[in-house]
C-alpha atoms as a PDB file:
ATOM      1  CA  MET A   1       0.023  -0.015  -0.045  1.00  0.00           C
ATOM      2  CA  GLN A   2       1.075   3.625  -0.524  1.00  0.00           C
ATOM      3  CA  ILE A   3       0.928   6.125   2.228  1.00  0.00           C
ATOM      4  CA  ILE A   4       1.426   9.900   2.127  1.00  0.00           C
ATOM      5  CA  VAL A   5       3.808  11.080   4.940  1.00  0.00           C
ATOM      6  CA  PHE A   6       3.667  14.607   6.383  1.00  0.00           C
ATOM      7  CA  ARG A   7       4.504  16.536   9.514  1.00  0.00           C
ATOM      8  CA  LEU A   8       2.262  18.287  12.025  1.00  0.00           C
ATOM      9  CA  GLY A   9       4.593  20.294  14.256  1.00  0.00           C
ATOM     10  CA  GLU A  10       7.116  17.745  15.656  1.00  0.00           C
ATOM     11  CA  ARG A  11       5.132  14.679  14.881  1.00  0.00           C
ATOM     12  CA  THR A  12       5.039  12.570  11.629  1.00  0.00           C
ATOM     13  CA  TYR A  13       1.769  11.204  10.316  1.00  0.00           C
ATOM     14  CA  GLY A  14       0.518   9.395   7.309  1.00  0.00           C
ATOM     15  CA  PHE A  15      -2.508   7.802   5.722  1.00  0.00           C
ATOM     16  CA  SER A  16      -3.334   5.707   2.627  1.00  0.00           C
ATOM     17  CA  THR A  17      -3.168   7.544  -0.679  1.00  0.00           C
ATOM     18  CA  ASP A  18      -6.379   5.863  -1.803  1.00  0.00           C
ATOM     19  CA  ARG A  19      -8.444   8.910  -0.971  1.00  0.00           C
ATOM     20  CA  VAL A  20      -6.000  11.658  -1.858  1.00  0.00           C
ATOM     21  CA  GLU A  21      -7.138  13.766  -4.763  1.00  0.00           C
ATOM     22  CA  GLU A  22      -4.317  16.290  -4.796  1.00  0.00           C
ATOM     23  CA  ILE A  23      -1.711  18.120  -2.675  1.00  0.00           C
ATOM     24  CA  THR A  24      -1.579  21.857  -2.952  1.00  0.00           C
ATOM     25  CA  THR A  25       0.027  24.806  -1.093  1.00  0.00           C
ATOM     26  CA  THR A  26      -1.664  26.863   1.595  1.00  0.00           C
ATOM     27  CA  LEU A  27      -5.214  27.985   0.886  1.00  0.00           C
ATOM     28  CA  THR A  28      -7.054  31.148   2.062  1.00  0.00           C
ATOM     29  CA  SER A  29     -10.163  30.320   3.985  1.00  0.00           C
ATOM     30  CA  THR A  30     -13.401  32.003   4.998  1.00  0.00           C
ATOM     31  CA  PRO A  31     -14.267  31.394   8.646  1.00  0.00           C
ATOM     32  CA  VAL A  32     -17.550  29.704   9.474  1.00  0.00           C
ATOM     33  CA  PRO A  33     -19.248  31.037  12.646  1.00  0.00           C
ATOM     34  CA  GLN A  34     -19.991  28.475  15.390  1.00  0.00           C
ATOM     35  CA  SER A  35     -18.057  25.724  13.732  1.00  0.00           C
ATOM     36  CA  PRO A  36     -15.918  23.231  15.659  1.00  0.00           C
ATOM     37  CA  ASP A  37     -12.382  24.339  16.752  1.00  0.00           C
ATOM     38  CA  TRP A  38     -10.808  22.040  14.143  1.00  0.00           C
ATOM     39  CA  THR A  39     -12.717  23.653  11.243  1.00  0.00           C
ATOM     40  CA  VAL A  40     -10.676  26.546   9.904  1.00  0.00           C
ATOM     41  CA  GLY A  41     -13.251  27.602   7.377  1.00  0.00           C
ATOM     42  CA  LEU A  42     -14.310  27.113   3.793  1.00  0.00           C
ATOM     43  CA  VAL A  43     -11.918  27.216   0.840  1.00  0.00           C
ATOM     44  CA  ASN A  44     -12.581  27.523  -2.837  1.00  0.00           C
ATOM     45  CA  LEU A  45     -10.302  25.425  -5.042  1.00  0.00           C
ATOM     46  CA  ARG A  46     -11.070  26.001  -8.718  1.00  0.00           C
ATOM     47  CA  GLY A  47     -14.743  26.537  -8.053  1.00  0.00           C
ATOM     48  CA  GLN A  48     -15.208  23.749  -5.691  1.00  0.00           C
ATOM     49  CA  VAL A  49     -16.001  24.767  -2.127  1.00  0.00           C
ATOM     50  CA  MET A  50     -14.879  22.494   0.754  1.00  0.00           C
ATOM     51  CA  THR A  51     -14.127  22.592   4.413  1.00  0.00           C
ATOM     52  CA  LEU A  52     -10.596  23.255   5.568  1.00  0.00           C
ATOM     53  CA  VAL A  53      -9.732  21.112   8.589  1.00  0.00           C
ATOM     54  CA  ASP A  54      -6.841  21.806  10.975  1.00  0.00           C
ATOM     55  CA  LEU A  55      -5.535  18.295  11.326  1.00  0.00           C
ATOM     56  CA  ASP A  56      -3.356  19.194  14.268  1.00  0.00           C
ATOM     57  CA  VAL A  57      -6.246  20.508  16.258  1.00  0.00           C
ATOM     58  CA  LEU A  58      -8.407  17.517  15.254  1.00  0.00           C
ATOM     59  CA  LEU A  59      -5.805  14.925  16.219  1.00  0.00           C
ATOM     60  CA  ASN A  60      -3.977  16.514  19.154  1.00  0.00           C
ATOM     61  CA  GLU A  61      -6.673  18.953  20.363  1.00  0.00           C
ATOM     62  CA  SER A  62      -3.972  21.604  20.364  1.00  0.00           C
ATOM     63  CA  ASP A  63      -4.491  25.356  19.965  1.00  0.00           C
ATOM     64  CA  SER A  64      -3.138  25.808  16.518  1.00  0.00           C
ATOM     65  CA  SER A  65      -3.361  29.599  16.542  1.00  0.00           C
ATOM     66  CA  SER A  66      -0.003  29.861  14.708  1.00  0.00           C
ATOM     67  CA  ASP A  67       0.177  29.055  10.988  1.00  0.00           C
ATOM     68  CA  GLU A  68       3.956  28.867  10.950  1.00  0.00           C
ATOM     69  CA  TRP A  69       3.927  25.130  10.309  1.00  0.00           C
ATOM     70  CA  TYR A  70       1.130  25.220   7.688  1.00  0.00           C
ATOM     71  CA  LYS A  71       2.800  24.449   4.440  1.00  0.00           C
ATOM     72  CA  ASN A  72       0.455  22.233   2.380  1.00  0.00           C
ATOM     73  CA  THR A  73      -3.164  21.210   1.939  1.00  0.00           C
ATOM     74  CA  ILE A  74      -4.123  17.672   1.149  1.00  0.00           C
ATOM     75  CA  ILE A  75      -7.435  17.288  -0.561  1.00  0.00           C
ATOM     76  CA  ILE A  76      -9.189  13.981   0.155  1.00  0.00           C
ATOM     77  CA  HIS A  77     -12.484  12.650  -1.146  1.00  0.00           C
ATOM     78  CA  THR A  78     -15.198  11.364   1.208  1.00  0.00           C
ATOM     79  CA  GLU A  79     -18.590   9.858   0.623  1.00  0.00           C
ATOM     80  CA  GLU A  80     -20.208  13.292   0.700  1.00  0.00           C
ATOM     81  CA  ASN A  81     -17.723  16.104  -0.153  1.00  0.00           C
ATOM     82  CA  PRO A  82     -14.065  16.587  -0.577  1.00  0.00           C
ATOM     83  CA  ILE A  83     -12.223  17.838   2.448  1.00  0.00           C
ATOM     84  CA  ALA A  84      -9.067  19.958   2.659  1.00  0.00           C
ATOM     85  CA  LEU A  85      -6.602  18.993   5.391  1.00  0.00           C
ATOM     86  CA  LYS A  86      -4.218  21.577   6.732  1.00  0.00           C
ATOM     87  CA  VAL A  87      -0.792  19.921   7.160  1.00  0.00           C
ATOM     88  CA  GLY A  88       2.831  20.820   7.567  1.00  0.00           C
ATOM     89  CA  PRO A  89       5.582  19.807   5.061  1.00  0.00           C
ATOM     90  CA  VAL A  90       4.707  16.760   2.999  1.00  0.00           C
ATOM     91  CA  ILE A  91       7.655  14.377   3.248  1.00  0.00           C
ATOM     92  CA  GLY A  92       6.540  12.130   0.389  1.00  0.00           C
ATOM     93  CA  VAL A  93       4.716   8.987  -0.631  1.00  0.00           C
ATOM     94  CA  SER A  94       6.102   5.727   0.571  1.00  0.00           C
ATOM     95  CA  ASP A  95       5.363   2.159  -0.475  1.00  0.00           C
ATOM     96  CA  VAL A  96       4.882   0.013   2.583  1.00  0.00           C
ATOM     97  CA  LEU A  97       3.798  -3.530   3.267  1.00  0.00           C
ATOM     98  CA  GLU A  98       0.716  -4.151   5.444  1.00  0.00           C
ATOM     99  CA  GLU A  99       2.895  -6.533   7.530  1.00  0.00           C
ATOM    100  CA  GLN A 100       5.142  -3.656   8.438  1.00  0.00           C
ATOM    101  CA  LEU A 101       2.332  -1.852  10.185  1.00  0.00           C
ATOM    102  CA  GLN A 102       2.370  -2.124  13.983  1.00  0.00           C
ATOM    103  CA  ALA A 103      -1.236  -2.062  15.239  1.00  0.00           C
ATOM    104  CA  SER A 104      -2.007   0.591  17.802  1.00  0.00           C
ATOM    105  CA  GLY A 105      -3.756  -1.970  20.037  1.00  0.00           C
ATOM    106  CA  GLU A 106      -6.835   0.172  20.465  1.00  0.00           C
ATOM    107  CA  GLU A 107     -10.087  -0.682  18.734  1.00  0.00           C
ATOM    108  CA  GLU A 108     -11.771   2.208  16.826  1.00  0.00           C
ATOM    109  CA  SER A 109      -8.793   4.437  17.393  1.00  0.00           C
ATOM    110  CA  ILE A 110      -8.004   7.482  15.255  1.00  0.00           C
ATOM    111  CA  ILE A 111      -4.440   6.112  14.899  1.00  0.00           C
ATOM    112  CA  SER A 112      -4.641   2.651  13.345  1.00  0.00           C
ATOM    113  CA  GLY A 113      -0.972   1.864  13.818  1.00  0.00           C
ATOM    114  CA  TYR A 114       2.567   2.840  13.406  1.00  0.00           C
ATOM    115  CA  ILE A 115       5.262   2.247  10.768  1.00  0.00           C
ATOM    116  CA  SER A 116       8.933   3.204  10.331  1.00  0.00           C
ATOM    117  CA  VAL A 117       9.621   5.294   7.241  1.00  0.00           C
ATOM    118  CA  ASN A 118      13.032   6.904   6.550  1.00  0.00           C
ATOM    119  CA  ASP A 119      14.087   6.365  10.173  1.00  0.00           C
ATOM    120  CA  ASP A 120      10.875   8.155  11.376  1.00  0.00           C
ATOM    121  CA  ILE A 121       8.028   6.655  13.324  1.00  0.00           C
ATOM    122  CA  VAL A 122       4.920   7.503  11.367  1.00  0.00           C
ATOM    123  CA  SER A 123       1.482   7.442  13.038  1.00  0.00           C
ATOM    124  CA  ILE A 124      -1.052   6.007  10.502  1.00  0.00           C
ATOM    125  CA  ILE A 125      -4.368   7.908  10.569  1.00  0.00           C
ATOM    126  CA  ASP A 126      -7.592   6.082   9.978  1.00  0.00           C
ATOM    127  CA  LEU A 127      -9.542   8.755   8.059  1.00  0.00           C
ATOM    128  CA  ASP A 128     -12.890   6.916   8.285  1.00  0.00           C
ATOM    129  CA  GLN A 129     -12.560   6.739  12.070  1.00  0.00           C
ATOM    130  CA  ILE A 130     -11.410  10.334  12.591  1.00  0.00           C
ATOM    131  CA  PHE A 131     -14.417  11.858  10.871  1.00  0.00           C
ATOM    132  CA  LYS A 132     -16.828   9.289  12.354  1.00  0.00           C
ATOM    133  CA  GLU A 133     -15.679  10.260  15.892  1.00  0.00           C
ATOM    134  CA  LYS A 134     -15.960  14.010  15.216  1.00  0.00           C
ATOM    135  CA  GLU A 135     -19.479  13.669  13.711  1.00  0.00           C
ATOM    136  CA  GLU A 136     -20.676  12.157  16.961  1.00  0.00           C
ATOM    137  CA  VAL A 137     -19.468  15.160  18.960  1.00  0.00           C
END
């Protein structure tokens, strides 16, 4: 399987490239009143409006008031609408074997497991689980 690997602050994350539509640079967003903390706002990418999600706030519940680390936007497709994910530097795409994935040990966890890529421990995000959990809030 292929995973896209990127940084959020000091941490390294990744997820399967199956749902990635494209990677672009930073995008200007329009804030949405009364939206969750992890929703930055709405972005317009070539006429397509989508939600920009601060992945650092979503995963780590941090106060990501600084955009210093924001370097790229990963557009993923979901069942309903595409979503733009605010991430740091994209390290690259890596081919990994399913057997290399160390399970997180937690059922229905946002982090499905860990894998070593280029001497870095990468936390693998379960995109289905992350948005399922946040919809229930």
